[in-house]
C-alpha atoms as a PDB file:
ATOM      1  CA  MET A   1       0.000   0.000   0.000  1.00  0.00           C
ATOM      2  CA  LYS A   2       1.189   3.525  -0.727  1.00  0.00           C
ATOM      3  CA  TYR A   3       1.477   6.143   1.998  1.00  0.00           C
ATOM      4  CA  PHE A   4       1.855   9.865   1.420  1.00  0.00           C
ATOM      5  CA  VAL A   5       3.963  12.049   3.724  1.00  0.00           C
ATOM      6  CA  ILE A   6       2.743  15.656   3.898  1.00  0.00           C
ATOM      7  CA  SER A   7       5.118  18.330   5.219  1.00  0.00           C
ATOM      8  CA  PHE A   8       4.903  22.102   5.486  1.00  0.00           C
ATOM      9  CA  LYS A   9       6.999  25.230   5.191  1.00  0.00           C
ATOM     10  CA  THR A  10       6.253  28.407   7.095  1.00  0.00           C
ATOM     11  CA  VAL A  11       5.763  31.590   5.100  1.00  0.00           C
ATOM     12  CA  THR A  12       6.097  34.910   6.843  1.00  0.00           C
ATOM     13  CA  ALA A  13       7.145  38.466   6.283  1.00  0.00           C
ATOM     14  CA  ASN A  14       7.884  41.146   8.796  1.00  0.00           C
ATOM     15  CA  THR A  15       4.618  42.943   8.055  1.00  0.00           C
ATOM     16  CA  ALA A  16       1.369  43.620   9.899  1.00  0.00           C
ATOM     17  CA  GLU A  17      -0.366  40.910   7.841  1.00  0.00           C
ATOM     18  CA  TYR A  18       1.750  38.236   9.596  1.00  0.00           C
ATOM     19  CA  GLY A  19       1.828  39.948  12.998  1.00  0.00           C
ATOM     20  CA  PHE A  20       5.334  41.222  12.293  1.00  0.00           C
ATOM     21  CA  GLY A  21       6.650  37.664  12.053  1.00  0.00           C
ATOM     22  CA  ASP A  22       4.703  36.147  14.966  1.00  0.00           C
ATOM     23  CA  TYR A  23       1.863  34.536  12.963  1.00  0.00           C
ATOM     24  CA  SER A  24       3.177  32.752   9.919  1.00  0.00           C
ATOM     25  CA  ASP A  25       1.217  30.836   7.276  1.00  0.00           C
ATOM     26  CA  ARG A  26       1.887  27.194   6.460  1.00  0.00           C
ATOM     27  CA  ASP A  27       2.314  25.927   2.912  1.00  0.00           C
ATOM     28  CA  TYR A  28       1.696  22.164   2.833  1.00  0.00           C
ATOM     29  CA  PHE A  29       3.345  19.992   0.172  1.00  0.00           C
ATOM     30  CA  LEU A  30       3.737  16.316  -0.701  1.00  0.00           C
ATOM     31  CA  ASN A  31       7.143  15.310   0.640  1.00  0.00           C
ATOM     32  CA  LEU A  32       7.367  11.538   0.054  1.00  0.00           C
ATOM     33  CA  VAL A  33       5.469   8.572  -1.283  1.00  0.00           C
ATOM     34  CA  VAL A  34       6.368   5.355   0.540  1.00  0.00           C
ATOM     35  CA  GLU A  35       5.333   1.773  -0.221  1.00  0.00           C
ATOM     36  CA  ALA A  36       4.803  -0.367   2.910  1.00  0.00           C
ATOM     37  CA  ASP A  37       2.518  -2.968   4.471  1.00  0.00           C
ATOM     38  CA  THR A  38       1.457  -0.947   7.520  1.00  0.00           C
ATOM     39  CA  LYS A  39       1.391   2.701   8.560  1.00  0.00           C
ATOM     40  CA  ARG A  40       4.102   2.110  11.179  1.00  0.00           C
ATOM     41  CA  LYS A  41       6.437   0.514   8.617  1.00  0.00           C
ATOM     42  CA  ALA A  42       5.786   3.406   6.238  1.00  0.00           C
ATOM     43  CA  MET A  43       6.752   5.879   8.971  1.00  0.00           C
ATOM     44  CA  ASN A  44       9.944   3.922   9.586  1.00  0.00           C
ATOM     45  CA  LYS A  45      10.857   3.894   5.872  1.00  0.00           C
ATOM     46  CA  ALA A  46      10.147   7.617   5.569  1.00  0.00           C
ATOM     47  CA  ARG A  47      12.494   8.375   8.480  1.00  0.00           C
ATOM     48  CA  LYS A  48      15.230   6.264   6.870  1.00  0.00           C
ATOM     49  CA  ILE A  49      14.878   8.172   3.591  1.00  0.00           C
ATOM     50  CA  ASP A  50      14.862  11.624   5.190  1.00  0.00           C
ATOM     51  CA  SER A  51      15.972  11.972   8.809  1.00  0.00           C
ATOM     52  CA  ARG A  52      14.315  15.400   9.122  1.00  0.00           C
ATOM     53  CA  ILE A  53      10.842  13.821   8.933  1.00  0.00           C
ATOM     54  CA  ARG A  54       9.133  13.222  12.263  1.00  0.00           C
ATOM     55  CA  PHE A  55       5.654  12.147  13.244  1.00  0.00           C
ATOM     56  CA  SER A  56       5.395  13.330  16.835  1.00  0.00           C
ATOM     57  CA  GLY A  57       5.066  16.759  18.362  1.00  0.00           C
ATOM     58  CA  ILE A  58       3.247  19.922  17.465  1.00  0.00           C
ATOM     59  CA  ASN A  59       5.015  20.720  14.184  1.00  0.00           C
ATOM     60  CA  SER A  60       5.200  17.185  12.857  1.00  0.00           C
ATOM     61  CA  ASP A  61       4.613  15.772   9.387  1.00  0.00           C
ATOM     62  CA  PHE A  62       1.435  13.910   8.425  1.00  0.00           C
ATOM     63  CA  ILE A  63       1.122  10.460   6.861  1.00  0.00           C
ATOM     64  CA  PHE A  64      -1.956   9.260   4.964  1.00  0.00           C
ATOM     65  CA  PRO A  65      -2.728   5.975   3.206  1.00  0.00           C
ATOM     66  CA  GLU A  66      -3.610   5.900  -0.461  1.00  0.00           C
ATOM     67  CA  GLY A  67      -7.245   6.811  -1.066  1.00  0.00           C
ATOM     68  CA  ASP A  68      -7.679   8.822   2.133  1.00  0.00           C
ATOM     69  CA  GLU A  69      -9.910  11.847   1.580  1.00  0.00           C
ATOM     70  CA  SER A  70      -8.055  13.919   4.228  1.00  0.00           C
ATOM     71  CA  ILE A  71      -5.157  14.629   1.858  1.00  0.00           C
ATOM     72  CA  SER A  72      -7.264  17.150  -0.044  1.00  0.00           C
ATOM     73  CA  THR A  73      -7.525  19.213   3.173  1.00  0.00           C
ATOM     74  CA  PHE A  74      -3.806  19.935   3.000  1.00  0.00           C
ATOM     75  CA  LEU A  75      -3.110  19.904  -0.734  1.00  0.00           C
ATOM     76  CA  ASN A  76      -5.087  22.305  -2.900  1.00  0.00           C
END
């Protein structure tokens, strides 16, 4: 089964629109596509490919199985 890893980059400018740098926007993007049997194995493979990927904490990456409708929430 395919799993999709969604990551984000913060976009900010030192303007009033972004609270002078305090309130940044997030741009989500598709980071990796991993083939694995289970979600846990897919997370493990993703970490081996790119050590900067993490799935715990507040600013963590997301992982979704193929066919999950939630991906469209992040990717426009």
